[in-house]
Amino acid sequence: MYMQQFQERKGMQMEKDLAVYEEHLKNWRKDAQDQLELDFAEQNMSGFVKSRRDKEQREIETILSTSSQYYKDLTSLEQEPYLKVVSVFFNKA
């Protein structure tokens, strides 16, 4: 009973945190798009410039996609929790 109540409270807190994180991502996306437009505003959209702009646009979308999915997996209580294994090596000389 206690664990269920604790999990419900934790789930509600995680939902709030996720909403804040998604808002940050949304703001970052807008800023990144604005910067992209500024970078390419005065350039003639030749083949090379257009492909460079498209590449940068794909990078923005990739960052958003992976960041969003990582945070959703990290804060998930319903499935297997996402664990990132960190190894530390210590070398004694």
N, C-alpha and C. Protein backbone atom coordinates (compact mmCIF):
# COMPACT_ATOMS: atom_id res chain seq x y z
N MET A 1 0.83 -1.20 0.00
CA MET A 1 0.00 0.00 0.00
C MET A 1 0.87 1.26 0.00
N TYR A 2 1.88 1.25 0.86
CA TYR A 2 2.77 2.41 0.95
C TYR A 2 3.49 2.65 -0.37
N MET A 3 3.99 1.56 -0.98
CA MET A 3 4.73 1.70 -2.23
C MET A 3 3.85 2.25 -3.35
N GLN A 4 2.59 1.85 -3.37
CA GLN A 4 1.68 2.34 -4.40
C GLN A 4 1.46 3.85 -4.24
N GLN A 5 1.26 4.31 -3.01
CA GLN A 5 1.08 5.74 -2.77
C GLN A 5 2.36 6.50 -3.13
N PHE A 6 3.49 5.95 -2.74
CA PHE A 6 4.76 6.58 -3.05
C PHE A 6 4.97 6.67 -4.56
N GLN A 7 4.64 5.58 -5.26
CA GLN A 7 4.80 5.55 -6.71
C GLN A 7 3.86 6.55 -7.38
N GLU A 8 2.66 6.71 -6.88
CA GLU A 8 1.72 7.68 -7.44
C GLU A 8 2.24 9.11 -7.26
N ARG A 9 2.75 9.41 -6.05
CA ARG A 9 3.32 10.75 -5.81
C ARG A 9 4.53 10.99 -6.70
N LYS A 10 5.37 9.99 -6.80
CA LYS A 10 6.57 10.11 -7.63
C LYS A 10 6.18 10.26 -9.10
N GLY A 11 5.18 9.54 -9.54
CA GLY A 11 4.71 9.64 -10.92
C GLY A 11 4.18 11.03 -11.23
N MET A 12 3.44 11.61 -10.29
CA MET A 12 2.92 12.96 -10.51
C MET A 12 4.06 13.97 -10.58
N GLN A 13 5.07 13.81 -9.72
CA GLN A 13 6.23 14.70 -9.75
C GLN A 13 6.99 14.55 -11.06
N MET A 14 7.12 13.31 -11.53
CA MET A 14 7.83 13.07 -12.79
C MET A 14 7.08 13.68 -13.97
N GLU A 15 5.76 13.63 -13.93
CA GLU A 15 4.96 14.25 -15.00
C GLU A 15 5.18 15.75 -15.03
N LYS A 16 5.26 16.37 -13.86
CA LYS A 16 5.53 17.81 -13.79
C LYS A 16 6.92 18.11 -14.33
N ASP A 17 7.90 17.30 -13.92
CA ASP A 17 9.27 17.48 -14.40
C ASP A 17 9.35 17.31 -15.92
N LEU A 18 8.63 16.33 -16.43
CA LEU A 18 8.61 16.09 -17.87
C LEU A 18 8.01 17.27 -18.61
N ALA A 19 6.95 17.85 -18.07
CA ALA A 19 6.33 19.02 -18.71
C ALA A 19 7.30 20.19 -18.75
N VAL A 20 8.05 20.40 -17.67
CA VAL A 20 9.05 21.48 -17.63
C VAL A 20 10.14 21.20 -18.65
N TYR A 21 10.61 19.96 -18.70
CA TYR A 21 11.66 19.59 -19.64
C TYR A 21 11.20 19.77 -21.08
N GLU A 22 9.97 19.35 -21.37
CA GLU A 22 9.44 19.52 -22.73
C GLU A 22 9.31 20.99 -23.10
N GLU A 23 8.98 21.83 -22.14
CA GLU A 23 8.92 23.27 -22.39
C GLU A 23 10.31 23.82 -22.72
N HIS A 24 11.31 23.34 -21.99
CA HIS A 24 12.69 23.75 -22.29
C HIS A 24 13.10 23.31 -23.70
N LEU A 25 12.73 22.08 -24.07
CA LEU A 25 13.04 21.59 -25.41
C LEU A 25 12.33 22.42 -26.48
N LYS A 26 11.09 22.77 -26.20
CA LYS A 26 10.32 23.59 -27.14
C LYS A 26 10.99 24.95 -27.33
N ASN A 27 11.43 25.57 -26.24
CA ASN A 27 12.13 26.86 -26.33
C ASN A 27 13.46 26.72 -27.05
N TRP A 28 14.18 25.63 -26.77
CA TRP A 28 15.44 25.40 -27.44
C TRP A 28 15.24 25.23 -28.95
N ARG A 29 14.18 24.50 -29.31
CA ARG A 29 13.89 24.29 -30.73
C ARG A 29 13.62 25.63 -31.42
N LYS A 30 12.82 26.48 -30.79
CA LYS A 30 12.51 27.78 -31.38
C LYS A 30 13.79 28.60 -31.54
N ASP A 31 14.62 28.62 -30.50
CA ASP A 31 15.87 29.38 -30.57
C ASP A 31 16.80 28.82 -31.65
N ALA A 32 16.87 27.50 -31.75
CA ALA A 32 17.73 26.87 -32.75
C ALA A 32 17.22 27.18 -34.16
N GLN A 33 15.90 27.14 -34.35
CA GLN A 33 15.31 27.45 -35.66
C GLN A 33 15.56 28.92 -36.01
N ASP A 34 15.39 29.80 -35.03
CA ASP A 34 15.65 31.23 -35.27
C ASP A 34 17.10 31.47 -35.66
N GLN A 35 18.01 30.79 -34.95
CA GLN A 35 19.43 30.94 -35.26
C GLN A 35 19.75 30.40 -36.65
N LEU A 36 19.14 29.31 -37.02
CA LEU A 36 19.33 28.72 -38.34
C LEU A 36 18.86 29.69 -39.42
N GLU A 37 17.72 30.31 -39.19
CA GLU A 37 17.21 31.28 -40.15
C GLU A 37 18.15 32.48 -40.26
N LEU A 38 18.69 32.94 -39.14
CA LEU A 38 19.63 34.06 -39.18
C LEU A 38 20.91 33.69 -39.92
N ASP A 39 21.40 32.48 -39.69
CA ASP A 39 22.63 32.04 -40.33
C ASP A 39 22.50 31.99 -41.85
N PHE A 40 21.34 31.62 -42.34
CA PHE A 40 21.16 31.43 -43.78
C PHE A 40 20.29 32.50 -44.43
N ALA A 41 19.94 33.55 -43.71
CA ALA A 41 19.01 34.56 -44.23
C ALA A 41 19.59 35.31 -45.43
N GLU A 42 20.83 35.69 -45.35
CA GLU A 42 21.41 36.53 -46.40
C GLU A 42 22.16 35.74 -47.46
N GLN A 43 22.12 34.43 -47.38
CA GLN A 43 22.84 33.61 -48.34
C GLN A 43 21.93 33.17 -49.47
N ASN A 44 22.51 33.09 -50.66
CA ASN A 44 21.79 32.59 -51.81
C ASN A 44 21.65 31.08 -51.65
N MET A 45 20.45 30.56 -51.79
CA MET A 45 20.19 29.14 -51.55
C MET A 45 20.63 28.29 -52.74
N SER A 46 21.94 28.22 -52.93
CA SER A 46 22.48 27.34 -53.96
C SER A 46 22.45 25.90 -53.44
N GLY A 47 22.85 24.96 -54.25
CA GLY A 47 22.80 23.55 -53.87
C GLY A 47 23.59 23.24 -52.61
N PHE A 48 24.82 23.77 -52.53
CA PHE A 48 25.67 23.50 -51.37
C PHE A 48 25.10 24.13 -50.11
N VAL A 49 24.68 25.36 -50.21
CA VAL A 49 24.14 26.07 -49.04
C VAL A 49 22.85 25.41 -48.57
N LYS A 50 22.02 25.01 -49.52
CA LYS A 50 20.76 24.35 -49.16
C LYS A 50 21.02 23.01 -48.48
N SER A 51 21.98 22.24 -48.97
CA SER A 51 22.27 20.96 -48.33
C SER A 51 22.87 21.16 -46.94
N ARG A 52 23.69 22.20 -46.75
CA ARG A 52 24.24 22.50 -45.43
C ARG A 52 23.13 22.90 -44.45
N ARG A 53 22.18 23.71 -44.95
CA ARG A 53 21.05 24.13 -44.11
C ARG A 53 20.19 22.92 -43.74
N ASP A 54 19.93 22.04 -44.71
CA ASP A 54 19.14 20.83 -44.43
C ASP A 54 19.84 19.93 -43.43
N LYS A 55 21.17 19.83 -43.54
CA LYS A 55 21.93 19.01 -42.60
C LYS A 55 21.80 19.57 -41.18
N GLU A 56 21.91 20.88 -41.03
CA GLU A 56 21.78 21.49 -39.71
C GLU A 56 20.36 21.33 -39.18
N GLN A 57 19.36 21.39 -40.04
CA GLN A 57 17.97 21.18 -39.63
C GLN A 57 17.79 19.75 -39.12
N ARG A 58 18.37 18.77 -39.81
CA ARG A 58 18.28 17.38 -39.36
C ARG A 58 18.97 17.19 -38.02
N GLU A 59 20.09 17.87 -37.81
CA GLU A 59 20.79 17.78 -36.52
C GLU A 59 19.91 18.30 -35.39
N ILE A 60 19.22 19.41 -35.63
CA ILE A 60 18.31 19.95 -34.62
C ILE A 60 17.22 18.93 -34.29
N GLU A 61 16.63 18.35 -35.31
CA GLU A 61 15.56 17.37 -35.11
C GLU A 61 16.07 16.12 -34.40
N THR A 62 17.28 15.70 -34.72
CA THR A 62 17.87 14.53 -34.07
C THR A 62 18.11 14.79 -32.59
N ILE A 63 18.64 15.95 -32.27
CA ILE A 63 18.88 16.31 -30.87
C ILE A 63 17.57 16.34 -30.10
N LEU A 64 16.55 16.94 -30.69
CA LEU A 64 15.25 17.00 -30.02
C LEU A 64 14.66 15.61 -29.81
N SER A 65 14.74 14.80 -30.82
CA SER A 65 14.17 13.45 -30.75
C SER A 65 14.86 12.60 -29.69
N THR A 66 16.17 12.58 -29.72
CA THR A 66 16.90 11.74 -28.76
C THR A 66 16.78 12.28 -27.34
N SER A 67 16.82 13.59 -27.18
CA SER A 67 16.71 14.17 -25.83
C SER A 67 15.34 13.89 -25.24
N SER A 68 14.31 14.05 -26.04
CA SER A 68 12.96 13.82 -25.56
C SER A 68 12.75 12.36 -25.17
N GLN A 69 13.18 11.44 -26.02
CA GLN A 69 12.99 10.02 -25.74
C GLN A 69 13.82 9.59 -24.54
N TYR A 70 15.04 10.09 -24.41
CA TYR A 70 15.88 9.74 -23.26
C TYR A 70 15.20 10.15 -21.96
N TYR A 71 14.69 11.37 -21.91
CA TYR A 71 14.07 11.84 -20.67
C TYR A 71 12.80 11.07 -20.35
N LYS A 72 12.03 10.73 -21.38
CA LYS A 72 10.81 9.94 -21.16
C LYS A 72 11.18 8.56 -20.62
N ASP A 73 12.22 7.95 -21.18
CA ASP A 73 12.65 6.64 -20.70
C ASP A 73 13.21 6.73 -19.28
N LEU A 74 13.93 7.80 -19.02
CA LEU A 74 14.55 7.98 -17.71
C LEU A 74 13.51 8.13 -16.61
N THR A 75 12.40 8.79 -16.91
CA THR A 75 11.39 9.07 -15.89
C THR A 75 10.21 8.11 -15.93
N SER A 76 10.34 7.05 -16.66
CA SER A 76 9.24 6.10 -16.78
C SER A 76 9.16 5.19 -15.55
N LEU A 77 7.97 5.02 -15.02
CA LEU A 77 7.75 4.10 -13.91
C LEU A 77 7.02 2.85 -14.37
N GLU A 78 6.43 2.86 -15.54
CA GLU A 78 5.60 1.76 -15.98
C GLU A 78 6.39 0.63 -16.63
N GLN A 79 7.51 0.95 -17.25
CA GLN A 79 8.30 -0.06 -17.93
C GLN A 79 9.58 -0.27 -17.16
N GLU A 80 10.48 -1.01 -17.77
CA GLU A 80 11.78 -1.18 -17.15
C GLU A 80 12.46 0.17 -17.07
N PRO A 81 12.98 0.53 -15.93
CA PRO A 81 13.65 1.83 -15.81
C PRO A 81 14.88 1.86 -16.69
N TYR A 82 15.14 2.99 -17.23
CA TYR A 82 16.31 3.19 -18.09
C TYR A 82 17.51 3.43 -17.20
N LEU A 83 18.51 2.60 -17.34
CA LEU A 83 19.73 2.75 -16.55
C LEU A 83 20.89 3.01 -17.48
N LYS A 84 21.67 3.96 -17.14
CA LYS A 84 22.87 4.23 -17.90
C LYS A 84 24.04 3.77 -17.04
N VAL A 85 24.71 2.78 -17.54
CA VAL A 85 25.80 2.19 -16.77
C VAL A 85 27.04 3.05 -16.94
N VAL A 86 27.64 3.37 -15.83
CA VAL A 86 28.85 4.16 -15.84
C VAL A 86 29.96 3.31 -15.22
N SER A 87 31.04 3.18 -15.94
CA SER A 87 32.17 2.42 -15.43
C SER A 87 33.27 3.37 -15.02
N VAL A 88 33.86 3.06 -13.91
CA VAL A 88 34.98 3.85 -13.43
C VAL A 88 36.17 2.92 -13.25
N PHE A 89 37.25 3.28 -13.88
CA PHE A 89 38.46 2.47 -13.76
C PHE A 89 39.47 3.20 -12.89
N PHE A 90 40.06 2.43 -12.00
CA PHE A 90 41.04 3.01 -11.10
C PHE A 90 42.32 2.23 -11.28
N ASN A 91 43.38 2.91 -11.64
CA ASN A 91 44.65 2.25 -11.91
C ASN A 91 45.63 2.62 -10.81
N LYS A 92 46.04 1.64 -10.06
CA LYS A 92 47.05 1.88 -9.03
C LYS A 92 48.43 1.72 -9.67
N ALA A 93 49.24 2.70 -9.44
CA ALA A 93 50.58 2.62 -10.02
C ALA A 93 51.56 2.08 -9.02
